[in-house]
Amino acid sequence: MHDETHTHSSPPDGEHTHATAAGETAPGTHSHTHTHTKAVVNRLSRAIGHLTSVRGMVEGGRDCADVLIQLSAVRSAINGVCEVILKDHLDHCIVDAVRTGDADTLAALNRAIELLLK
């Protein structure tokens, strides 16, 4: 994650680069491959489905224990998404960042991990 606003443009091959809102490549950015996009999308869909179910349960006055069990499924689905994305990031982006000395990408990983562990 970089301090400036950026977008991802993803051609069909999965490669993408980071660009600033003005369209130029952001300093310290990198190209990388998302090899597990389908798995991430599937896991996100599962989490969204669980959240929709939780909302319906709360609106319907369902038992708190049942709601908590469903929320546990939401947390598990989100943790799965985080795991897949983190592994992909380590396997591709971080390997490239170490190889090229990209300190910004390494610092961004540290910030992301700190937030994930809170």
Foldseek 3Di string as FASTA:
>chain_A
DDPADWDWDADPVQWTWIAGPVGHGDPLTDIWGLPCPVVLVVLVVQLVVLVVVLVVCVVVVHDPVVSVVSVVSNVVSVVVSVVSVVVRCVVIVVVVCVVVVSVRSVVVVVVVVVVVVD
